[in-house]
Amino acid sequence: MLGSRYLNPYFGSGIYTWASLISTVLAALTIGYFIGGWLADRRPSPMVLGVTVLIGSVYVLVLPSFAQELLEFVLNRIDDVKTGSLLASLAILLFPVTFSACIRRSRSAC
């Protein structure tokens, strides 16, 4: 839902924007589950879990400070709504959703 609020003023709320958001979330979950499982198998400790939570949380906290500039940059460089919304969605959501998925996966394996 946060991603749709960020992308809506720049790319609208059409089907391509929602497809970009859904694709980004699914890709990030896949990557995060893989990395989280790998971490949980090799280093099953609360410290790794804490660092994962910290990294994802810091990104979400600083996101509002650079999101507008990032979205304007993508909008000015890419004219296609499909490509622009996908790149913007990846830039905003891939990192925090990946770390959230790592937390879920590594917690269940610890």
C-alpha atoms as a PDB file:
ATOM      1  CA  MET A   1       0.000   0.000   0.000  1.00  0.00           C
ATOM      2  CA  LEU A   2       2.888   2.342   0.727  1.00  0.00           C
ATOM      3  CA  GLY A   3       4.279   1.788  -2.748  1.00  0.00           C
ATOM      4  CA  SER A   4       1.010   2.734  -4.390  1.00  0.00           C
ATOM      5  CA  ARG A   5       0.949   5.998  -2.442  1.00  0.00           C
ATOM      6  CA  TYR A   6       4.448   6.839  -3.603  1.00  0.00           C
ATOM      7  CA  LEU A   7       3.914   5.930  -7.255  1.00  0.00           C
ATOM      8  CA  ASN A   8       0.404   7.327  -7.726  1.00  0.00           C
ATOM      9  CA  PRO A   9       1.330  11.029  -8.199  1.00  0.00           C
ATOM     10  CA  TYR A  10       4.027  10.164 -10.736  1.00  0.00           C
ATOM     11  CA  PHE A  11       2.713   7.166 -12.664  1.00  0.00           C
ATOM     12  CA  GLY A  12      -0.984   7.038 -11.804  1.00  0.00           C
ATOM     13  CA  SER A  13      -2.842   4.106 -10.330  1.00  0.00           C
ATOM     14  CA  GLY A  14      -3.429   2.121 -13.485  1.00  0.00           C
ATOM     15  CA  ILE A  15      -2.889  -1.518 -14.210  1.00  0.00           C
ATOM     16  CA  TYR A  16       0.787  -1.066 -15.114  1.00  0.00           C
ATOM     17  CA  THR A  17       1.572   0.598 -11.821  1.00  0.00           C
ATOM     18  CA  TRP A  18      -0.183  -2.118  -9.841  1.00  0.00           C
ATOM     19  CA  ALA A  19       1.481  -4.828 -11.934  1.00  0.00           C
ATOM     20  CA  SER A  20       4.846  -3.239 -11.172  1.00  0.00           C
ATOM     21  CA  LEU A  21       4.099  -3.145  -7.456  1.00  0.00           C
ATOM     22  CA  ILE A  22       2.906  -6.739  -7.337  1.00  0.00           C
ATOM     23  CA  SER A  23       5.859  -7.962  -9.422  1.00  0.00           C
ATOM     24  CA  THR A  24       8.317  -6.119  -7.216  1.00  0.00           C
ATOM     25  CA  VAL A  25       6.823  -7.518  -4.016  1.00  0.00           C
ATOM     26  CA  LEU A  26       6.810 -11.080  -5.356  1.00  0.00           C
ATOM     27  CA  ALA A  27      10.394 -10.796  -6.596  1.00  0.00           C
ATOM     28  CA  ALA A  28      11.538  -9.280  -3.301  1.00  0.00           C
ATOM     29  CA  LEU A  29       9.812 -12.025  -1.302  1.00  0.00           C
ATOM     30  CA  THR A  30      11.496 -14.682  -3.431  1.00  0.00           C
ATOM     31  CA  ILE A  31      14.926 -13.130  -2.977  1.00  0.00           C
ATOM     32  CA  GLY A  32      14.355 -12.511   0.721  1.00  0.00           C
ATOM     33  CA  TYR A  33      13.161 -16.027   1.459  1.00  0.00           C
ATOM     34  CA  PHE A  34      16.199 -17.410  -0.310  1.00  0.00           C
ATOM     35  CA  ILE A  35      18.655 -15.142   1.513  1.00  0.00           C
ATOM     36  CA  GLY A  36      16.873 -15.616   4.849  1.00  0.00           C
ATOM     37  CA  GLY A  37      16.981 -19.389   4.517  1.00  0.00           C
ATOM     38  CA  TRP A  38      20.621 -19.267   3.554  1.00  0.00           C
ATOM     39  CA  LEU A  39      21.435 -17.069   6.565  1.00  0.00           C
ATOM     40  CA  ALA A  40      19.384 -19.199   8.940  1.00  0.00           C
ATOM     41  CA  ASP A  41      21.197 -22.352   7.816  1.00  0.00           C
ATOM     42  CA  ARG A  42      24.656 -20.844   8.156  1.00  0.00           C
ATOM     43  CA  ARG A  43      24.295 -18.406  11.058  1.00  0.00           C
ATOM     44  CA  PRO A  44      21.207 -19.165  13.147  1.00  0.00           C
ATOM     45  CA  SER A  45      21.607 -16.436  15.750  1.00  0.00           C
ATOM     46  CA  PRO A  46      19.531 -13.587  17.158  1.00  0.00           C
ATOM     47  CA  MET A  47      22.309 -11.173  16.132  1.00  0.00           C
ATOM     48  CA  VAL A  48      21.805 -11.911  12.439  1.00  0.00           C
ATOM     49  CA  LEU A  49      18.067 -11.489  12.875  1.00  0.00           C
ATOM     50  CA  GLY A  50      18.584  -8.169  14.660  1.00  0.00           C
ATOM     51  CA  VAL A  51      20.905  -6.824  11.974  1.00  0.00           C
ATOM     52  CA  THR A  52      18.403  -7.825   9.300  1.00  0.00           C
ATOM     53  CA  VAL A  53      15.611  -5.986  11.127  1.00  0.00           C
ATOM     54  CA  LEU A  54      17.840  -2.945  11.597  1.00  0.00           C
ATOM     55  CA  ILE A  55      18.879  -2.695   7.947  1.00  0.00           C
ATOM     56  CA  GLY A  56      15.334  -2.977   6.622  1.00  0.00           C
ATOM     57  CA  SER A  57      14.008  -0.547   9.213  1.00  0.00           C
ATOM     58  CA  VAL A  58      16.639   2.105   8.536  1.00  0.00           C
ATOM     59  CA  TYR A  59      15.806   2.025   4.832  1.00  0.00           C
ATOM     60  CA  VAL A  60      12.102   2.501   5.548  1.00  0.00           C
ATOM     61  CA  LEU A  61      12.906   5.373   7.917  1.00  0.00           C
ATOM     62  CA  VAL A  62      15.055   7.268   5.414  1.00  0.00           C
ATOM     63  CA  LEU A  63      12.858   6.494   2.386  1.00  0.00           C
ATOM     64  CA  PRO A  64      10.732   9.660   2.698  1.00  0.00           C
ATOM     65  CA  SER A  65      13.864  11.821   2.574  1.00  0.00           C
ATOM     66  CA  PHE A  66      14.865  10.699  -0.920  1.00  0.00           C
ATOM     67  CA  ALA A  67      11.738   9.164  -2.477  1.00  0.00           C
ATOM     68  CA  GLN A  68      10.517  12.329  -4.190  1.00  0.00           C
ATOM     69  CA  GLU A  69      13.875  13.028  -5.852  1.00  0.00           C
ATOM     70  CA  LEU A  70      14.202   9.401  -6.913  1.00  0.00           C
ATOM     71  CA  LEU A  71      10.725   9.273  -8.428  1.00  0.00           C
ATOM     72  CA  GLU A  72      11.207  12.579 -10.241  1.00  0.00           C
ATOM     73  CA  PHE A  73      14.512  11.311 -11.605  1.00  0.00           C
ATOM     74  CA  VAL A  74      12.874   8.155 -12.964  1.00  0.00           C
ATOM     75  CA  LEU A  75       9.928  10.127 -14.351  1.00  0.00           C
ATOM     76  CA  ASN A  76      12.211  12.604 -16.166  1.00  0.00           C
ATOM     77  CA  ARG A  77      14.441   9.910 -17.649  1.00  0.00           C
ATOM     78  CA  ILE A  78      11.874   7.330 -18.748  1.00  0.00           C
ATOM     79  CA  ASP A  79       8.839   8.222 -20.842  1.00  0.00           C
ATOM     80  CA  ASP A  80       7.209   4.806 -20.797  1.00  0.00           C
ATOM     81  CA  VAL A  81       4.780   4.296 -17.899  1.00  0.00           C
ATOM     82  CA  LYS A  82       5.391   0.540 -17.835  1.00  0.00           C
ATOM     83  CA  THR A  83       9.161   0.776 -17.531  1.00  0.00           C
ATOM     84  CA  GLY A  84       9.139   3.854 -15.327  1.00  0.00           C
ATOM     85  CA  SER A  85       6.714   2.449 -12.796  1.00  0.00           C
ATOM     86  CA  LEU A  86       8.622  -0.835 -12.673  1.00  0.00           C
ATOM     87  CA  LEU A  87      11.968   0.860 -12.073  1.00  0.00           C
ATOM     88  CA  ALA A  88      10.480   3.212  -9.495  1.00  0.00           C
ATOM     89  CA  SER A  89       8.785   0.329  -7.726  1.00  0.00           C
ATOM     90  CA  LEU A  90      12.006  -1.658  -7.671  1.00  0.00           C
ATOM     91  CA  ALA A  91      13.965   1.323  -6.349  1.00  0.00           C
ATOM     92  CA  ILE A  92      11.527   2.009  -3.542  1.00  0.00           C
ATOM     93  CA  LEU A  93      10.304  -1.430  -2.461  1.00  0.00           C
ATOM     94  CA  LEU A  94      12.803  -4.119  -3.423  1.00  0.00           C
ATOM     95  CA  PHE A  95      15.235  -3.502  -0.581  1.00  0.00           C
ATOM     96  CA  PRO A  96      12.855  -3.240   2.410  1.00  0.00           C
ATOM     97  CA  VAL A  97      10.569  -6.064   1.285  1.00  0.00           C
ATOM     98  CA  THR A  98      13.574  -8.306   0.694  1.00  0.00           C
ATOM     99  CA  PHE A  99      14.809  -7.697   4.221  1.00  0.00           C
ATOM    100  CA  SER A 100      11.328  -8.261   5.627  1.00  0.00           C
ATOM    101  CA  ALA A 101      11.218 -11.628   3.874  1.00  0.00           C
ATOM    102  CA  CYS A 102      14.666 -12.471   5.266  1.00  0.00           C
ATOM    103  CA  ILE A 103      13.347 -11.813   8.752  1.00  0.00           C
ATOM    104  CA  ARG A 104      10.375 -14.101   8.239  1.00  0.00           C
ATOM    105  CA  ARG A 105      12.453 -16.910   6.787  1.00  0.00           C
ATOM    106  CA  SER A 106      15.354 -16.730   9.216  1.00  0.00           C
ATOM    107  CA  ARG A 107      13.017 -16.492  12.229  1.00  0.00           C
ATOM    108  CA  SER A 108      11.215 -19.677  11.278  1.00  0.00           C
ATOM    109  CA  ALA A 109      14.457 -21.573  10.782  1.00  0.00           C
ATOM    110  CA  CYS A 110      16.085 -20.399  14.025  1.00  0.00           C
END
